[in-house]
Amino acid sequence: MRLAVYPGSFDPITRGHVDVIERACVVFDRLVVAVLVNTRKSPSLDAAERVELIRAAVDAELGPACAERGEVISSLYPTTASL
């Protein structure tokens, strides 16, 4: 299994981020989008909100085929959620 980890603050998620996720879904069997906290930035959204926005963006832009291949995690958000 080919696994990729895509770390970032994703505050906010952009079309560029979604493009990278889309390309990774084609190349890798599994993709983990890791929502991180950058202490040098003042986030406009908390980690839980960013996780939900990433899931919504991937669902809307890429559909279930990509969503089934990945998950979104955050060290501050104790549960994992599929893309």
C-alpha atoms as a PDB file:
ATOM      1  CA  MET A   1       0.000   0.000   0.000  1.00  0.00           C
ATOM      2  CA  ARG A   2       1.294   3.434  -0.971  1.00  0.00           C
ATOM      3  CA  LEU A   3       0.578   5.967   1.784  1.00  0.00           C
ATOM      4  CA  ALA A   4       0.998   9.751   1.662  1.00  0.00           C
ATOM      5  CA  VAL A   5       0.789  12.292   4.466  1.00  0.00           C
ATOM      6  CA  TYR A   6      -0.071  15.883   3.550  1.00  0.00           C
ATOM      7  CA  PRO A   7       0.612  18.132   6.564  1.00  0.00           C
ATOM      8  CA  GLY A   8      -0.395  21.774   6.795  1.00  0.00           C
ATOM      9  CA  SER A   9      -2.313  24.372   8.736  1.00  0.00           C
ATOM     10  CA  PHE A  10      -4.996  24.632   6.003  1.00  0.00           C
ATOM     11  CA  ASP A  11      -6.259  27.931   7.414  1.00  0.00           C
ATOM     12  CA  PRO A  12      -8.160  28.207   5.182  1.00  0.00           C
ATOM     13  CA  ILE A  13      -8.290  25.318   2.719  1.00  0.00           C
ATOM     14  CA  THR A  14      -7.598  26.638  -0.788  1.00  0.00           C
ATOM     15  CA  ARG A  15      -8.090  25.382  -4.323  1.00  0.00           C
ATOM     16  CA  GLY A  16      -4.350  24.726  -4.392  1.00  0.00           C
ATOM     17  CA  HIS A  17      -4.667  22.424  -1.384  1.00  0.00           C
ATOM     18  CA  VAL A  18      -7.601  20.618  -3.004  1.00  0.00           C
ATOM     19  CA  ASP A  19      -5.557  20.228  -6.204  1.00  0.00           C
ATOM     20  CA  VAL A  20      -2.723  18.563  -4.259  1.00  0.00           C
ATOM     21  CA  ILE A  21      -5.244  16.272  -2.530  1.00  0.00           C
ATOM     22  CA  GLU A  22      -6.775  15.346  -5.888  1.00  0.00           C
ATOM     23  CA  ARG A  23      -3.380  14.502  -7.395  1.00  0.00           C
ATOM     24  CA  ALA A  24      -2.402  12.478  -4.325  1.00  0.00           C
ATOM     25  CA  CYS A  25      -5.641  10.467  -4.535  1.00  0.00           C
ATOM     26  CA  VAL A  26      -4.624   9.368  -8.021  1.00  0.00           C
ATOM     27  CA  VAL A  27      -1.053   8.415  -7.102  1.00  0.00           C
ATOM     28  CA  PHE A  28      -1.454   6.933  -3.607  1.00  0.00           C
ATOM     29  CA  ASP A  29      -3.653   4.203  -2.160  1.00  0.00           C
ATOM     30  CA  ARG A  30      -4.218   6.125   1.070  1.00  0.00           C
ATOM     31  CA  LEU A  31      -3.892   9.813   1.922  1.00  0.00           C
ATOM     32  CA  VAL A  32      -3.747  11.348   5.389  1.00  0.00           C
ATOM     33  CA  VAL A  33      -4.363  15.096   5.538  1.00  0.00           C
ATOM     34  CA  ALA A  34      -2.787  16.214   8.822  1.00  0.00           C
ATOM     35  CA  VAL A  35      -4.146  19.506  10.143  1.00  0.00           C
ATOM     36  CA  LEU A  36      -1.360  21.067  12.181  1.00  0.00           C
ATOM     37  CA  VAL A  37      -1.053  24.043  14.464  1.00  0.00           C
ATOM     38  CA  ASN A  38       1.514  26.640  13.472  1.00  0.00           C
ATOM     39  CA  THR A  39       2.342  28.607  16.619  1.00  0.00           C
ATOM     40  CA  ARG A  40       3.690  31.449  14.474  1.00  0.00           C
ATOM     41  CA  LYS A  41       0.241  32.034  12.978  1.00  0.00           C
ATOM     42  CA  SER A  42      -3.015  33.205  14.484  1.00  0.00           C
ATOM     43  CA  PRO A  43      -5.577  30.823  12.980  1.00  0.00           C
ATOM     44  CA  SER A  44      -8.946  32.175  11.982  1.00  0.00           C
ATOM     45  CA  LEU A  45     -10.518  28.735  12.502  1.00  0.00           C
ATOM     46  CA  ASP A  46      -9.893  26.107  15.154  1.00  0.00           C
ATOM     47  CA  ALA A  47      -8.607  22.684  14.143  1.00  0.00           C
ATOM     48  CA  ALA A  48     -12.026  21.005  14.317  1.00  0.00           C
ATOM     49  CA  GLU A  49     -13.514  23.597  11.946  1.00  0.00           C
ATOM     50  CA  ARG A  50     -10.609  23.189   9.524  1.00  0.00           C
ATOM     51  CA  VAL A  51     -11.077  19.403   9.507  1.00  0.00           C
ATOM     52  CA  GLU A  52     -14.756  19.823   8.654  1.00  0.00           C
ATOM     53  CA  LEU A  53     -14.018  22.387   5.927  1.00  0.00           C
ATOM     54  CA  ILE A  54     -11.432  20.090   4.339  1.00  0.00           C
ATOM     55  CA  ARG A  55     -13.929  17.227   4.300  1.00  0.00           C
ATOM     56  CA  ALA A  56     -16.606  19.458   2.776  1.00  0.00           C
ATOM     57  CA  ALA A  57     -14.233  20.839   0.127  1.00  0.00           C
ATOM     58  CA  VAL A  58     -13.038  17.384  -0.899  1.00  0.00           C
ATOM     59  CA  ASP A  59     -16.603  16.041  -1.037  1.00  0.00           C
ATOM     60  CA  ALA A  60     -17.783  18.995  -3.128  1.00  0.00           C
ATOM     61  CA  GLU A  61     -14.810  19.194  -5.483  1.00  0.00           C
ATOM     62  CA  LEU A  62     -13.597  15.603  -5.793  1.00  0.00           C
ATOM     63  CA  GLY A  63     -16.516  13.403  -4.799  1.00  0.00           C
ATOM     64  CA  PRO A  64     -16.652  10.148  -2.870  1.00  0.00           C
ATOM     65  CA  ALA A  65     -13.967   8.305  -4.867  1.00  0.00           C
ATOM     66  CA  CYS A  66     -11.213  10.433  -3.355  1.00  0.00           C
ATOM     67  CA  ALA A  67     -12.937  10.774   0.006  1.00  0.00           C
ATOM     68  CA  GLU A  68     -12.898   6.998   0.472  1.00  0.00           C
ATOM     69  CA  ARG A  69      -9.112   6.895   0.044  1.00  0.00           C
ATOM     70  CA  GLY A  70      -8.216   9.356   2.763  1.00  0.00           C
ATOM     71  CA  GLU A  71      -8.695  10.712   6.206  1.00  0.00           C
ATOM     72  CA  VAL A  72      -8.274  14.072   7.891  1.00  0.00           C
ATOM     73  CA  ILE A  73      -6.602  14.188  11.296  1.00  0.00           C
ATOM     74  CA  SER A  74      -5.550  16.837  13.767  1.00  0.00           C
ATOM     75  CA  SER A  75      -3.469  16.521  16.893  1.00  0.00           C
ATOM     76  CA  LEU A  76      -5.920  18.882  18.612  1.00  0.00           C
ATOM     77  CA  TYR A  77      -8.982  17.123  17.279  1.00  0.00           C
ATOM     78  CA  PRO A  78      -9.069  13.733  19.036  1.00  0.00           C
ATOM     79  CA  THR A  79     -11.057  11.777  16.459  1.00  0.00           C
ATOM     80  CA  THR A  80     -10.232  11.025  12.857  1.00  0.00           C
ATOM     81  CA  ALA A  81     -12.641  11.715  10.059  1.00  0.00           C
ATOM     82  CA  SER A  82     -12.644  10.309   6.568  1.00  0.00           C
ATOM     83  CA  LEU A  83     -12.089  12.784   3.742  1.00  0.00           C
END
